[in-house]
């Protein structure tokens, strides 16, 4: 069975629970702020509603407007579907935890939350890399764009992203739930994140930390490199554009994209790709709100509000005409 390897808690006589397989965990994230539980619940619920509505609108707009049936919007539509799933794994449960004080999560519930969170989180990193490469091809190789970014490649890239997510989440969940849990099974987080669950274990977690650092680190660094090299080339290309107007428009779109990817990669790098990532739970709780809740909510706004094609399609859906539609849109 799952016996305790090295108990870091004092063994109490008569408490055999200490040496049995964990059946549930207690999520203690933000517990130390009792006065802000209702506020947190309202905040999480509101952000979740905005995430679902914003991303669902994106999917609808892209599906209904045939002008938006291009590789970029194919990726955006898939990003929106992913963001709804990603947020749904964590936010509703966290909002209920804060409002009802139900902090208990079952062993299987915790494992499945970790599995799907890792799946969607990893896939998101690959999606951002893929979308940056798509923009790079469109701006730096415009004449070959249609040939390079064909439908087969687009579907292959989305499938490959999910496959990579599957491989990573299987590794992370498998390694983490091979650990022993004894004593008070408290997880200092608002969801079952890998470092937080690892921290709650009484086994030696050195191997797990090395695996997390190696696998997550290489995924984060690899995808971030693709993103930032692509945007580097994009910026160089924009700077060389002859007209100031096209430069301004290209920069305004790129700057919002850069903001989105910098937020995401900055947060996940802090969480998973540095040694001792498991050591500071309070700081990590706050930072993980960024990439689990805030970023999926902001994505539809970041990628579309500065985009005239989507605004045009949105106005058409509502039944009014925009004042002007800009020719140059990324």
C-alpha atoms as a PDB file:
ATOM      1  CA  UNK A   1       0.000   0.000   0.000  1.00  0.00           C
ATOM      2  CA  UNK A   2       0.932   3.627   0.323  1.00  0.00           C
ATOM      3  CA  UNK A   3       2.904   3.479   3.549  1.00  0.00           C
ATOM      4  CA  UNK A   4       4.548   6.458   5.077  1.00  0.00           C
ATOM      5  CA  UNK A   5       8.170   6.627   4.089  1.00  0.00           C
ATOM      6  CA  UNK A   6       9.425   9.349   6.356  1.00  0.00           C
ATOM      7  CA  UNK A   7       6.903  11.044   8.589  1.00  0.00           C
ATOM      8  CA  UNK A   8       7.600  14.697   9.098  1.00  0.00           C
ATOM      9  CA  UNK A   9       4.806  14.862  11.660  1.00  0.00           C
ATOM     10  CA  UNK A  10       5.006  13.563  15.225  1.00  0.00           C
ATOM     11  CA  UNK A  11       3.415  10.135  15.429  1.00  0.00           C
ATOM     12  CA  UNK A  12       0.446  10.155  17.774  1.00  0.00           C
ATOM     13  CA  UNK A  13      -0.523   6.982  19.625  1.00  0.00           C
ATOM     14  CA  UNK A  14      -3.773   5.475  18.519  1.00  0.00           C
ATOM     15  CA  UNK A  15      -3.883   7.616  15.377  1.00  0.00           C
ATOM     16  CA  UNK A  16      -3.567   4.985  12.694  1.00  0.00           C
ATOM     17  CA  UNK A  17      -4.787   7.550  10.134  1.00  0.00           C
ATOM     18  CA  UNK A  18      -1.181   8.699  10.149  1.00  0.00           C
ATOM     19  CA  UNK A  19      -0.047   5.601   8.324  1.00  0.00           C
ATOM     20  CA  UNK A  20      -2.939   4.959   5.973  1.00  0.00           C
ATOM     21  CA  UNK A  21      -3.482   5.985   2.373  1.00  0.00           C
ATOM     22  CA  UNK A  22      -4.835   9.517   2.088  1.00  0.00           C
ATOM     23  CA  UNK A  23      -8.494   9.585   1.072  1.00  0.00           C
ATOM     24  CA  UNK A  24      -8.875  13.361   1.057  1.00  0.00           C
ATOM     25  CA  UNK A  25      -6.948  16.600   1.316  1.00  0.00           C
ATOM     26  CA  UNK A  26      -7.728  19.979   2.841  1.00  0.00           C
ATOM     27  CA  UNK A  27      -7.101  23.009   0.622  1.00  0.00           C
ATOM     28  CA  UNK A  28      -5.920  25.801   2.919  1.00  0.00           C
ATOM     29  CA  UNK A  29      -5.089  28.483   0.337  1.00  0.00           C
ATOM     30  CA  UNK A  30      -5.952  32.019   1.566  1.00  0.00           C
ATOM     31  CA  UNK A  31      -7.394  30.496   4.763  1.00  0.00           C
ATOM     32  CA  UNK A  32      -5.401  32.975   6.840  1.00  0.00           C
ATOM     33  CA  UNK A  33      -7.614  35.824   5.538  1.00  0.00           C
ATOM     34  CA  UNK A  34     -11.046  34.903   6.995  1.00  0.00           C
ATOM     35  CA  UNK A  35     -12.466  38.391   6.422  1.00  0.00           C
ATOM     36  CA  UNK A  36     -11.778  38.247   2.676  1.00  0.00           C
ATOM     37  CA  UNK A  37     -13.364  34.837   1.922  1.00  0.00           C
ATOM     38  CA  UNK A  38     -16.610  36.346   0.562  1.00  0.00           C
ATOM     39  CA  UNK A  39     -14.673  38.902  -1.485  1.00  0.00           C
ATOM     40  CA  UNK A  40     -12.463  36.146  -2.925  1.00  0.00           C
ATOM     41  CA  UNK A  41     -15.525  34.063  -3.771  1.00  0.00           C
ATOM     42  CA  UNK A  42     -17.249  36.973  -5.547  1.00  0.00           C
ATOM     43  CA  UNK A  43     -14.017  37.883  -7.351  1.00  0.00           C
ATOM     44  CA  UNK A  44     -13.374  34.318  -8.545  1.00  0.00           C
ATOM     45  CA  UNK A  45     -17.013  33.840  -9.611  1.00  0.00           C
ATOM     46  CA  UNK A  46     -17.098  37.141 -11.523  1.00  0.00           C
ATOM     47  CA  UNK A  47     -13.800  36.396 -13.280  1.00  0.00           C
ATOM     48  CA  UNK A  48     -15.050  32.925 -14.195  1.00  0.00           C
ATOM     49  CA  UNK A  49     -18.261  34.314 -15.735  1.00  0.00           C
ATOM     50  CA  UNK A  50     -16.246  36.883 -17.743  1.00  0.00           C
ATOM     51  CA  UNK A  51     -13.854  34.124 -18.876  1.00  0.00           C
ATOM     52  CA  UNK A  52     -16.634  31.848 -20.108  1.00  0.00           C
ATOM     53  CA  UNK A  53     -18.679  34.630 -21.746  1.00  0.00           C
ATOM     54  CA  UNK A  54     -15.644  36.352 -23.319  1.00  0.00           C
ATOM     55  CA  UNK A  55     -14.200  33.152 -24.734  1.00  0.00           C
ATOM     56  CA  UNK A  56     -17.603  31.813 -25.863  1.00  0.00           C
ATOM     57  CA  UNK A  57     -18.187  35.086 -27.755  1.00  0.00           C
ATOM     58  CA  UNK A  58     -14.804  34.654 -29.448  1.00  0.00           C
ATOM     59  CA  UNK A  59     -15.704  31.121 -30.553  1.00  0.00           C
ATOM     60  CA  UNK A  60     -19.096  32.287 -31.875  1.00  0.00           C
ATOM     61  CA  UNK A  61     -17.687  35.292 -33.756  1.00  0.00           C
ATOM     62  CA  UNK A  62     -14.926  33.211 -35.376  1.00  0.00           C
ATOM     63  CA  UNK A  63     -17.324  30.387 -36.330  1.00  0.00           C
ATOM     64  CA  UNK A  64     -19.976  32.683 -37.828  1.00  0.00           C
ATOM     65  CA  UNK A  65     -17.746  35.033 -39.858  1.00  0.00           C
ATOM     66  CA  UNK A  66     -16.243  33.292 -42.889  1.00  0.00           C
ATOM     67  CA  UNK A  67     -13.637  36.100 -43.217  1.00  0.00           C
ATOM     68  CA  UNK A  68     -12.156  34.859 -39.950  1.00  0.00           C
ATOM     69  CA  UNK A  69     -11.555  31.318 -41.191  1.00  0.00           C
ATOM     70  CA  UNK A  70      -7.769  31.771 -41.302  1.00  0.00           C
ATOM     71  CA  UNK A  71      -4.950  30.004 -39.381  1.00  0.00           C
ATOM     72  CA  UNK A  72      -4.661  32.834 -36.831  1.00  0.00           C
ATOM     73  CA  UNK A  73      -8.360  32.634 -35.941  1.00  0.00           C
ATOM     74  CA  UNK A  74      -8.310  28.842 -35.983  1.00  0.00           C
ATOM     75  CA  UNK A  75      -5.657  29.068 -33.235  1.00  0.00           C
ATOM     76  CA  UNK A  76      -7.568  31.804 -31.393  1.00  0.00           C
ATOM     77  CA  UNK A  77     -10.738  29.720 -31.423  1.00  0.00           C
ATOM     78  CA  UNK A  78      -8.819  26.751 -30.027  1.00  0.00           C
ATOM     79  CA  UNK A  79      -7.193  29.003 -27.402  1.00  0.00           C
ATOM     80  CA  UNK A  80     -10.664  30.150 -26.313  1.00  0.00           C
ATOM     81  CA  UNK A  81     -11.929  26.563 -26.003  1.00  0.00           C
ATOM     82  CA  UNK A  82      -8.781  25.715 -24.020  1.00  0.00           C
ATOM     83  CA  UNK A  83      -9.161  28.744 -21.725  1.00  0.00           C
ATOM     84  CA  UNK A  84     -12.746  27.805 -20.842  1.00  0.00           C
ATOM     85  CA  UNK A  85     -11.632  24.251 -19.942  1.00  0.00           C
ATOM     86  CA  UNK A  86      -8.512  25.485 -18.121  1.00  0.00           C
ATOM     87  CA  UNK A  87     -10.479  27.930 -15.967  1.00  0.00           C
ATOM     88  CA  UNK A  88     -13.302  25.411 -15.326  1.00  0.00           C
ATOM     89  CA  UNK A  89     -10.900  22.943 -13.723  1.00  0.00           C
ATOM     90  CA  UNK A  90     -10.019  25.415 -10.948  1.00  0.00           C
ATOM     91  CA  UNK A  91     -12.167  28.519 -10.586  1.00  0.00           C
ATOM     92  CA  UNK A  92     -15.677  27.153  -9.760  1.00  0.00           C
ATOM     93  CA  UNK A  93     -14.278  24.782  -7.110  1.00  0.00           C
ATOM     94  CA  UNK A  94     -12.163  27.586  -5.607  1.00  0.00           C
ATOM     95  CA  UNK A  95     -15.137  29.996  -5.521  1.00  0.00           C
ATOM     96  CA  UNK A  96     -17.223  27.358  -3.695  1.00  0.00           C
ATOM     97  CA  UNK A  97     -14.343  26.676  -1.307  1.00  0.00           C
ATOM     98  CA  UNK A  98     -14.234  30.355  -0.318  1.00  0.00           C
ATOM     99  CA  UNK A  99     -17.999  30.902  -0.106  1.00  0.00           C
ATOM    100  CA  UNK A 100     -19.034  27.682   1.668  1.00  0.00           C
ATOM    101  CA  UNK A 101     -15.790  26.969   3.475  1.00  0.00           C
ATOM    102  CA  UNK A 102     -15.782  23.445   1.992  1.00  0.00           C
ATOM    103  CA  UNK A 103     -12.051  23.006   1.868  1.00  0.00           C
ATOM    104  CA  UNK A 104     -11.996  19.206   1.581  1.00  0.00           C
ATOM    105  CA  UNK A 105     -11.150  17.638  -1.781  1.00  0.00           C
ATOM    106  CA  UNK A 106     -11.104  13.860  -2.305  1.00  0.00           C
ATOM    107  CA  UNK A 107      -7.889  12.033  -3.227  1.00  0.00           C
ATOM    108  CA  UNK A 108      -9.236  11.187  -6.699  1.00  0.00           C
ATOM    109  CA  UNK A 109     -10.685  14.682  -7.110  1.00  0.00           C
ATOM    110  CA  UNK A 110      -7.294  16.167  -6.304  1.00  0.00           C
ATOM    111  CA  UNK A 111      -5.507  13.837  -8.741  1.00  0.00           C
ATOM    112  CA  UNK A 112      -7.955  14.559 -11.567  1.00  0.00           C
ATOM    113  CA  UNK A 113      -7.775  18.323 -10.924  1.00  0.00           C
ATOM    114  CA  UNK A 114      -3.979  18.152 -11.136  1.00  0.00           C
ATOM    115  CA  UNK A 115      -4.158  15.986 -14.268  1.00  0.00           C
ATOM    116  CA  UNK A 116      -6.476  18.344 -16.194  1.00  0.00           C
ATOM    117  CA  UNK A 117      -4.831  21.504 -14.925  1.00  0.00           C
ATOM    118  CA  UNK A 118      -1.403  20.237 -16.065  1.00  0.00           C
ATOM    119  CA  UNK A 119      -2.906  19.110 -19.379  1.00  0.00           C
ATOM    120  CA  UNK A 120      -4.512  22.471 -20.200  1.00  0.00           C
ATOM    121  CA  UNK A 121      -1.667  24.551 -18.741  1.00  0.00           C
ATOM    122  CA  UNK A 122       0.999  22.765 -20.808  1.00  0.00           C
ATOM    123  CA  UNK A 123      -1.191  22.922 -23.918  1.00  0.00           C
ATOM    124  CA  UNK A 124      -1.625  26.687 -23.387  1.00  0.00           C
ATOM    125  CA  UNK A 125       2.170  27.184 -23.412  1.00  0.00           C
ATOM    126  CA  UNK A 126       2.415  25.272 -26.716  1.00  0.00           C
ATOM    127  CA  UNK A 127      -0.548  27.230 -28.148  1.00  0.00           C
ATOM    128  CA  UNK A 128       1.141  30.557 -27.369  1.00  0.00           C
ATOM    129  CA  UNK A 129       4.314  29.329 -29.087  1.00  0.00           C
ATOM    130  CA  UNK A 130       2.309  28.147 -32.100  1.00  0.00           C
ATOM    131  CA  UNK A 131       0.448  31.463 -32.374  1.00  0.00           C
ATOM    132  CA  UNK A 132       3.699  33.425 -32.160  1.00  0.00           C
ATOM    133  CA  UNK A 133       5.133  31.281 -34.978  1.00  0.00           C
ATOM    134  CA  UNK A 134       1.970  31.919 -37.021  1.00  0.00           C
ATOM    135  CA  UNK A 135       2.369  35.721 -36.601  1.00  0.00           C
ATOM    136  CA  UNK A 136       6.089  35.425 -37.409  1.00  0.00           C
ATOM    137  CA  UNK A 137       5.285  33.622 -40.674  1.00  0.00           C
ATOM    138  CA  UNK A 138       2.525  36.120 -41.573  1.00  0.00           C
ATOM    139  CA  UNK A 139       4.708  39.190 -41.016  1.00  0.00           C
ATOM    140  CA  UNK A 140       8.176  37.947 -41.929  1.00  0.00           C
ATOM    141  CA  UNK A 141       7.244  35.563 -44.788  1.00  0.00           C
ATOM    142  CA  UNK A 142       3.958  37.013 -46.106  1.00  0.00           C
ATOM    143  CA  UNK A 143       4.349  35.539 -49.618  1.00  0.00           C
ATOM    144  CA  UNK A 144       4.831  31.989 -48.330  1.00  0.00           C
ATOM    145  CA  UNK A 145       2.297  32.290 -45.492  1.00  0.00           C
ATOM    146  CA  UNK A 146      -0.571  30.436 -47.220  1.00  0.00           C
ATOM    147  CA  UNK A 147       1.747  27.594 -48.227  1.00  0.00           C
ATOM    148  CA  UNK A 148       3.503  27.213 -44.852  1.00  0.00           C
ATOM    149  CA  UNK A 149       0.465  27.572 -42.577  1.00  0.00           C
ATOM    150  CA  UNK A 150      -1.766  25.115 -44.434  1.00  0.00           C
ATOM    151  CA  UNK A 151      -4.762  23.457 -42.785  1.00  0.00           C
ATOM    152  CA  UNK A 152      -2.921  20.192 -42.204  1.00  0.00           C
ATOM    153  CA  UNK A 153      -0.082  21.894 -40.343  1.00  0.00           C
ATOM    154  CA  UNK A 154      -2.546  23.899 -38.214  1.00  0.00           C
ATOM    155  CA  UNK A 155      -4.462  20.783 -37.148  1.00  0.00           C
ATOM    156  CA  UNK A 156      -1.180  18.954 -36.564  1.00  0.00           C
ATOM    157  CA  UNK A 157       0.089  21.801 -34.339  1.00  0.00           C
ATOM    158  CA  UNK A 158      -3.086  21.872 -32.208  1.00  0.00           C
ATOM    159  CA  UNK A 159      -3.050  18.063 -31.886  1.00  0.00           C
ATOM    160  CA  UNK A 160       0.665  18.084 -31.050  1.00  0.00           C
ATOM    161  CA  UNK A 161       0.079  20.699 -28.336  1.00  0.00           C
ATOM    162  CA  UNK A 162      -2.581  18.543 -26.670  1.00  0.00           C
ATOM    163  CA  UNK A 163      -0.391  15.448 -26.995  1.00  0.00           C
ATOM    164  CA  UNK A 164       2.508  17.266 -25.286  1.00  0.00           C
ATOM    165  CA  UNK A 165       0.069  18.353 -22.577  1.00  0.00           C
ATOM    166  CA  UNK A 166      -1.041  14.726 -22.117  1.00  0.00           C
ATOM    167  CA  UNK A 167       2.525  13.475 -21.770  1.00  0.00           C
ATOM    168  CA  UNK A 168       3.433  16.178 -19.225  1.00  0.00           C
ATOM    169  CA  UNK A 169       0.286  15.841 -17.097  1.00  0.00           C
ATOM    170  CA  UNK A 170       0.695  12.054 -16.975  1.00  0.00           C
ATOM    171  CA  UNK A 171       4.300  12.448 -15.762  1.00  0.00           C
ATOM    172  CA  UNK A 172       3.449  15.159 -13.186  1.00  0.00           C
ATOM    173  CA  UNK A 173       0.339  13.461 -11.772  1.00  0.00           C
ATOM    174  CA  UNK A 174       1.929   9.998 -11.771  1.00  0.00           C
ATOM    175  CA  UNK A 175       5.061  11.147  -9.946  1.00  0.00           C
ATOM    176  CA  UNK A 176       3.180  13.322  -7.437  1.00  0.00           C
ATOM    177  CA  UNK A 177       0.584  10.717  -6.489  1.00  0.00           C
ATOM    178  CA  UNK A 178       3.268   8.074  -6.014  1.00  0.00           C
ATOM    179  CA  UNK A 179       4.326  10.011  -2.919  1.00  0.00           C
ATOM    180  CA  UNK A 180       3.036   9.116   0.565  1.00  0.00           C
ATOM    181  CA  UNK A 181       0.734  11.441   2.460  1.00  0.00           C
ATOM    182  CA  UNK A 182       0.441  11.179   6.231  1.00  0.00           C
ATOM    183  CA  UNK A 183      -0.480  13.382   9.173  1.00  0.00           C
ATOM    184  CA  UNK A 184      -2.664  16.418   8.433  1.00  0.00           C
ATOM    185  CA  UNK A 185      -3.016  16.315   4.645  1.00  0.00           C
ATOM    186  CA  UNK A 186      -3.174  20.063   4.183  1.00  0.00           C
ATOM    187  CA  UNK A 187      -2.392  21.614   0.823  1.00  0.00           C
ATOM    188  CA  UNK A 188      -1.496  25.276   1.127  1.00  0.00           C
ATOM    189  CA  UNK A 189      -3.235  26.299  -2.091  1.00  0.00           C
ATOM    190  CA  UNK A 190      -6.715  26.860  -3.532  1.00  0.00           C
ATOM    191  CA  UNK A 191      -6.331  23.950  -5.988  1.00  0.00           C
ATOM    192  CA  UNK A 192      -4.224  20.790  -6.341  1.00  0.00           C
ATOM    193  CA  UNK A 193      -1.140  22.243  -7.966  1.00  0.00           C
ATOM    194  CA  UNK A 194       1.955  20.054  -8.328  1.00  0.00           C
ATOM    195  CA  UNK A 195       4.360  21.960  -5.999  1.00  0.00           C
ATOM    196  CA  UNK A 196       1.693  22.438  -3.304  1.00  0.00           C
ATOM    197  CA  UNK A 197       0.650  18.753  -3.232  1.00  0.00           C
ATOM    198  CA  UNK A 198       4.317  17.712  -3.266  1.00  0.00           C
ATOM    199  CA  UNK A 199       4.872  19.968  -0.254  1.00  0.00           C
ATOM    200  CA  UNK A 200       2.049  18.200   1.640  1.00  0.00           C
ATOM    201  CA  UNK A 201       3.732  14.811   1.261  1.00  0.00           C
ATOM    202  CA  UNK A 202       5.864  13.141   3.916  1.00  0.00           C
ATOM    203  CA  UNK A 203       8.051  11.313   1.393  1.00  0.00           C
ATOM    204  CA  UNK A 204      11.362  12.604   0.179  1.00  0.00           C
ATOM    205  CA  UNK A 205      10.399  14.805  -2.794  1.00  0.00           C
ATOM    206  CA  UNK A 206      13.874  15.403  -4.256  1.00  0.00           C
ATOM    207  CA  UNK A 207      13.317  13.149  -7.300  1.00  0.00           C
ATOM    208  CA  UNK A 208       9.909  14.762  -7.907  1.00  0.00           C
ATOM    209  CA  UNK A 209      11.390  18.249  -7.729  1.00  0.00           C
ATOM    210  CA  UNK A 210      14.122  17.287 -10.205  1.00  0.00           C
ATOM    211  CA  UNK A 211      11.540  15.755 -12.580  1.00  0.00           C
ATOM    212  CA  UNK A 212       9.280  18.830 -12.316  1.00  0.00           C
ATOM    213  CA  UNK A 213      12.222  21.164 -12.859  1.00  0.00           C
ATOM    214  CA  UNK A 214      13.518  19.174 -15.837  1.00  0.00           C
ATOM    215  CA  UNK A 215      10.211  18.519 -17.626  1.00  0.00           C
ATOM    216  CA  UNK A 216       8.322  21.745 -16.844  1.00  0.00           C
ATOM    217  CA  UNK A 217      11.499  23.801 -17.098  1.00  0.00           C
ATOM    218  CA  UNK A 218      12.302  22.511 -20.582  1.00  0.00           C
ATOM    219  CA  UNK A 219       8.685  22.988 -21.767  1.00  0.00           C
ATOM    220  CA  UNK A 220       8.507  26.552 -20.398  1.00  0.00           C
ATOM    221  CA  UNK A 221      11.955  27.562 -21.662  1.00  0.00           C
ATOM    222  CA  UNK A 222      11.404  25.872 -25.051  1.00  0.00           C
ATOM    223  CA  UNK A 223       7.991  27.429 -25.742  1.00  0.00           C
ATOM    224  CA  UNK A 224       9.073  30.822 -24.331  1.00  0.00           C
ATOM    225  CA  UNK A 225      12.101  30.818 -26.663  1.00  0.00           C
ATOM    226  CA  UNK A 226       9.889  30.174 -29.706  1.00  0.00           C
ATOM    227  CA  UNK A 227       7.591  33.012 -28.585  1.00  0.00           C
ATOM    228  CA  UNK A 228      10.277  35.595 -27.876  1.00  0.00           C
ATOM    229  CA  UNK A 229      12.450  34.755 -30.917  1.00  0.00           C
ATOM    230  CA  UNK A 230       9.335  35.007 -33.139  1.00  0.00           C
ATOM    231  CA  UNK A 231       8.389  38.372 -31.654  1.00  0.00           C
ATOM    232  CA  UNK A 232      12.027  39.506 -31.911  1.00  0.00           C
ATOM    233  CA  UNK A 233      11.947  38.900 -35.678  1.00  0.00           C
ATOM    234  CA  UNK A 234       8.491  40.486 -35.905  1.00  0.00           C
ATOM    235  CA  UNK A 235       9.718  43.661 -34.179  1.00  0.00           C
ATOM    236  CA  UNK A 236      12.775  43.863 -36.471  1.00  0.00           C
ATOM    237  CA  UNK A 237      10.482  43.471 -39.511  1.00  0.00           C
ATOM    238  CA  UNK A 238       8.058  46.127 -38.229  1.00  0.00           C
ATOM    239  CA  UNK A 239      10.866  48.613 -37.558  1.00  0.00           C
ATOM    240  CA  UNK A 240      11.926  48.262 -41.194  1.00  0.00           C
ATOM    241  CA  UNK A 241       8.409  48.951 -42.530  1.00  0.00           C
ATOM    242  CA  UNK A 242       8.358  52.041 -44.750  1.00  0.00           C
ATOM    243  CA  UNK A 243       5.133  53.660 -43.536  1.00  0.00           C
ATOM    244  CA  UNK A 244       4.764  55.038 -40.008  1.00  0.00           C
ATOM    245  CA  UNK A 245       1.054  54.136 -39.989  1.00  0.00           C
ATOM    246  CA  UNK A 246       1.615  50.417 -40.666  1.00  0.00           C
ATOM    247  CA  UNK A 247       4.405  50.423 -38.056  1.00  0.00           C
ATOM    248  CA  UNK A 248       2.089  51.945 -35.446  1.00  0.00           C
ATOM    249  CA  UNK A 249      -0.715  49.448 -36.125  1.00  0.00           C
ATOM    250  CA  UNK A 250       1.590  46.439 -36.154  1.00  0.00           C
ATOM    251  CA  UNK A 251       3.204  47.571 -32.890  1.00  0.00           C
ATOM    252  CA  UNK A 252      -0.125  48.162 -31.146  1.00  0.00           C
ATOM    253  CA  UNK A 253      -1.236  44.591 -31.880  1.00  0.00           C
ATOM    254  CA  UNK A 254       2.151  43.061 -31.112  1.00  0.00           C
ATOM    255  CA  UNK A 255       2.513  44.918 -27.829  1.00  0.00           C
ATOM    256  CA  UNK A 256      -0.760  43.462 -26.551  1.00  0.00           C
ATOM    257  CA  UNK A 257       0.286  39.966 -27.648  1.00  0.00           C
ATOM    258  CA  UNK A 258       3.669  40.451 -25.965  1.00  0.00           C
ATOM    259  CA  UNK A 259       1.930  41.537 -22.763  1.00  0.00           C
ATOM    260  CA  UNK A 260      -0.194  38.362 -22.753  1.00  0.00           C
ATOM    261  CA  UNK A 261       2.721  35.987 -23.296  1.00  0.00           C
ATOM    262  CA  UNK A 262       5.026  37.830 -20.873  1.00  0.00           C
ATOM    263  CA  UNK A 263       2.403  37.595 -18.105  1.00  0.00           C
ATOM    264  CA  UNK A 264       1.872  33.894 -18.733  1.00  0.00           C
ATOM    265  CA  UNK A 265       5.514  32.855 -19.061  1.00  0.00           C
ATOM    266  CA  UNK A 266       6.663  35.138 -16.227  1.00  0.00           C
ATOM    267  CA  UNK A 267       4.147  33.572 -13.845  1.00  0.00           C
ATOM    268  CA  UNK A 268       4.711  29.932 -14.826  1.00  0.00           C
ATOM    269  CA  UNK A 269       8.489  30.366 -14.873  1.00  0.00           C
ATOM    270  CA  UNK A 270       8.336  31.660 -11.304  1.00  0.00           C
ATOM    271  CA  UNK A 271       6.122  28.729 -10.283  1.00  0.00           C
ATOM    272  CA  UNK A 272       7.710  25.701 -11.938  1.00  0.00           C
ATOM    273  CA  UNK A 273      11.024  26.452 -13.573  1.00  0.00           C
ATOM    274  CA  UNK A 274      13.185  27.516 -10.667  1.00  0.00           C
ATOM    275  CA  UNK A 275      14.719  25.454  -7.857  1.00  0.00           C
ATOM    276  CA  UNK A 276      12.841  25.678  -4.563  1.00  0.00           C
ATOM    277  CA  UNK A 277       9.596  26.372  -6.414  1.00  0.00           C
ATOM    278  CA  UNK A 278       7.722  24.556  -3.652  1.00  0.00           C
ATOM    279  CA  UNK A 279       9.081  26.656  -0.803  1.00  0.00           C
ATOM    280  CA  UNK A 280       6.914  29.793  -0.724  1.00  0.00           C
ATOM    281  CA  UNK A 281       3.198  28.841  -0.745  1.00  0.00           C
ATOM    282  CA  UNK A 282       1.726  32.281   0.033  1.00  0.00           C
ATOM    283  CA  UNK A 283       3.578  34.004  -2.790  1.00  0.00           C
ATOM    284  CA  UNK A 284       2.757  31.163  -5.184  1.00  0.00           C
ATOM    285  CA  UNK A 285      -0.965  31.303  -4.309  1.00  0.00           C
ATOM    286  CA  UNK A 286      -1.143  34.908  -5.432  1.00  0.00           C
ATOM    287  CA  UNK A 287       0.944  34.361  -8.556  1.00  0.00           C
ATOM    288  CA  UNK A 288      -1.083  31.339  -9.624  1.00  0.00           C
ATOM    289  CA  UNK A 289      -4.259  33.484  -9.653  1.00  0.00           C
ATOM    290  CA  UNK A 290      -2.524  35.275 -12.526  1.00  0.00           C
ATOM    291  CA  UNK A 291      -2.122  32.341 -14.880  1.00  0.00           C
ATOM    292  CA  UNK A 292      -5.056  30.173 -13.769  1.00  0.00           C
ATOM    293  CA  UNK A 293      -7.784  32.823 -13.661  1.00  0.00           C
ATOM    294  CA  UNK A 294      -6.654  36.249 -14.883  1.00  0.00           C
ATOM    295  CA  UNK A 295      -4.904  35.212 -18.121  1.00  0.00           C
ATOM    296  CA  UNK A 296      -7.727  32.969 -19.479  1.00  0.00           C
ATOM    297  CA  UNK A 297     -10.060  35.900 -18.746  1.00  0.00           C
ATOM    298  CA  UNK A 298      -7.846  38.494 -20.463  1.00  0.00           C
ATOM    299  CA  UNK A 299      -6.902  36.437 -23.534  1.00  0.00           C
ATOM    300  CA  UNK A 300     -10.059  37.142 -25.596  1.00  0.00           C
ATOM    301  CA  UNK A 301      -9.745  40.869 -24.824  1.00  0.00           C
ATOM    302  CA  UNK A 302      -6.001  41.060 -25.477  1.00  0.00           C
ATOM    303  CA  UNK A 303      -6.168  39.187 -28.763  1.00  0.00           C
ATOM    304  CA  UNK A 304      -9.305  40.822 -30.121  1.00  0.00           C
ATOM    305  CA  UNK A 305     -10.048  44.264 -28.722  1.00  0.00           C
ATOM    306  CA  UNK A 306      -7.106  45.689 -30.639  1.00  0.00           C
ATOM    307  CA  UNK A 307      -8.116  43.764 -33.704  1.00  0.00           C
ATOM    308  CA  UNK A 308     -10.295  45.499 -36.259  1.00  0.00           C
ATOM    309  CA  UNK A 309     -11.437  42.324 -38.056  1.00  0.00           C
ATOM    310  CA  UNK A 310     -13.004  40.920 -34.902  1.00  0.00           C
ATOM    311  CA  UNK A 311     -14.504  44.280 -33.956  1.00  0.00           C
ATOM    312  CA  UNK A 312     -15.994  44.489 -37.441  1.00  0.00           C
ATOM    313  CA  UNK A 313     -17.466  40.994 -37.122  1.00  0.00           C
ATOM    314  CA  UNK A 314     -18.795  41.824 -33.662  1.00  0.00           C
ATOM    315  CA  UNK A 315     -20.530  44.972 -34.916  1.00  0.00           C
ATOM    316  CA  UNK A 316     -22.059  42.980 -37.768  1.00  0.00           C
ATOM    317  CA  UNK A 317     -23.391  40.436 -35.267  1.00  0.00           C
ATOM    318  CA  UNK A 318     -24.923  43.217 -33.166  1.00  0.00           C
ATOM    319  CA  UNK A 319     -26.247  44.857 -36.311  1.00  0.00           C
ATOM    320  CA  UNK A 320     -24.354  48.158 -36.373  1.00  0.00           C
ATOM    321  CA  UNK A 321     -21.501  49.198 -38.590  1.00  0.00           C
ATOM    322  CA  UNK A 322     -18.140  50.251 -37.173  1.00  0.00           C
ATOM    323  CA  UNK A 323     -17.067  53.779 -38.119  1.00  0.00           C
ATOM    324  CA  UNK A 324     -13.947  52.632 -39.921  1.00  0.00           C
ATOM    325  CA  UNK A 325     -12.302  49.298 -40.498  1.00  0.00           C
ATOM    326  CA  UNK A 326      -8.546  49.401 -40.567  1.00  0.00           C
ATOM    327  CA  UNK A 327      -6.917  47.665 -43.505  1.00  0.00           C
ATOM    328  CA  UNK A 328      -3.792  46.546 -41.638  1.00  0.00           C
ATOM    329  CA  UNK A 329      -4.630  44.110 -38.872  1.00  0.00           C
ATOM    330  CA  UNK A 330      -2.508  41.391 -37.393  1.00  0.00           C
END
